[in-house]
Amino acid sequence: MVAGGAGLGLSVTQNIINEHKGFIGVESQIGKGTKLTIILHAAKE
C-alpha cells in the first residue's frame, strides 16, 4: 500500500517530538515495511 499524501505528516510529527526533547527513529526494509520508534519523556508531577 502506498500513501498518496503530501509527505508532511512525518515532518510535522518530528517537529513536535523535537519540541518535547523526544526521539524518533525510522527503520525500513523493502518488501517488509517501516518501523517507527517514538520516545517521549514522562512529565514530572
C-alpha atoms as a PDB file:
ATOM      1  CA  MET A   1       0.000   0.000   0.000  1.00  0.00           C
ATOM      2  CA  VAL A   2       1.348   3.421  -0.943  1.00  0.00           C
ATOM      3  CA  ALA A   3       0.103   6.590   0.741  1.00  0.00           C
ATOM      4  CA  GLY A   4      -0.931   9.435  -1.541  1.00  0.00           C
ATOM      5  CA  GLY A   5      -0.344  12.385   0.782  1.00  0.00           C
ATOM      6  CA  ALA A   6       1.968  15.373   0.510  1.00  0.00           C
ATOM      7  CA  GLY A   7       4.528  13.796   2.851  1.00  0.00           C
ATOM      8  CA  LEU A   8       4.159  16.457   5.559  1.00  0.00           C
ATOM      9  CA  GLY A   9       2.878  14.185   8.337  1.00  0.00           C
ATOM     10  CA  LEU A  10       6.259  12.780   9.374  1.00  0.00           C
ATOM     11  CA  SER A  11       7.874  16.223   9.235  1.00  0.00           C
ATOM     12  CA  VAL A  12       5.195  17.717  11.493  1.00  0.00           C
ATOM     13  CA  THR A  13       5.490  14.722  13.836  1.00  0.00           C
ATOM     14  CA  GLN A  14       9.268  15.127  14.015  1.00  0.00           C
ATOM     15  CA  ASN A  15       8.942  18.833  14.870  1.00  0.00           C
ATOM     16  CA  ILE A  16       6.511  18.079  17.712  1.00  0.00           C
ATOM     17  CA  ILE A  17       8.758  15.334  19.097  1.00  0.00           C
ATOM     18  CA  ASN A  18      11.821  17.623  18.892  1.00  0.00           C
ATOM     19  CA  GLU A  19       9.975  20.379  20.773  1.00  0.00           C
ATOM     20  CA  HIS A  20       9.383  17.900  23.598  1.00  0.00           C
ATOM     21  CA  LYS A  21      13.019  16.735  23.544  1.00  0.00           C
ATOM     22  CA  GLY A  22      11.976  13.300  22.347  1.00  0.00           C
ATOM     23  CA  PHE A  23      13.346  10.894  19.759  1.00  0.00           C
ATOM     24  CA  ILE A  24      12.008   9.399  16.545  1.00  0.00           C
ATOM     25  CA  GLY A  25      13.770   6.573  14.746  1.00  0.00           C
ATOM     26  CA  VAL A  26      12.881   5.027  11.410  1.00  0.00           C
ATOM     27  CA  GLU A  27      13.794   1.573  10.090  1.00  0.00           C
ATOM     28  CA  SER A  28      12.618   0.457   6.674  1.00  0.00           C
ATOM     29  CA  GLN A  29      13.028  -2.754   4.697  1.00  0.00           C
ATOM     30  CA  ILE A  30      11.882  -3.107   1.112  1.00  0.00           C
ATOM     31  CA  GLY A  31       9.036  -5.586   0.898  1.00  0.00           C
ATOM     32  CA  LYS A  32       8.666  -5.822   4.692  1.00  0.00           C
ATOM     33  CA  GLY A  33       7.557  -2.367   5.805  1.00  0.00           C
ATOM     34  CA  THR A  34       8.631   0.518   8.001  1.00  0.00           C
ATOM     35  CA  LYS A  35       9.036   0.680  11.782  1.00  0.00           C
ATOM     36  CA  LEU A  36       8.866   3.989  13.658  1.00  0.00           C
ATOM     37  CA  THR A  37      10.156   4.237  17.221  1.00  0.00           C
ATOM     38  CA  ILE A  38       8.985   7.279  19.182  1.00  0.00           C
ATOM     39  CA  ILE A  39      10.316   8.041  22.643  1.00  0.00           C
ATOM     40  CA  LEU A  40       8.883  10.836  24.794  1.00  0.00           C
ATOM     41  CA  HIS A  41       9.849  11.580  28.387  1.00  0.00           C
ATOM     42  CA  ALA A  42       7.201  11.284  31.078  1.00  0.00           C
ATOM     43  CA  ALA A  43       6.040  14.563  32.602  1.00  0.00           C
ATOM     44  CA  LYS A  44       7.019  15.373  36.173  1.00  0.00           C
ATOM     45  CA  GLU A  45       4.156  15.954  38.586  1.00  0.00           C
END
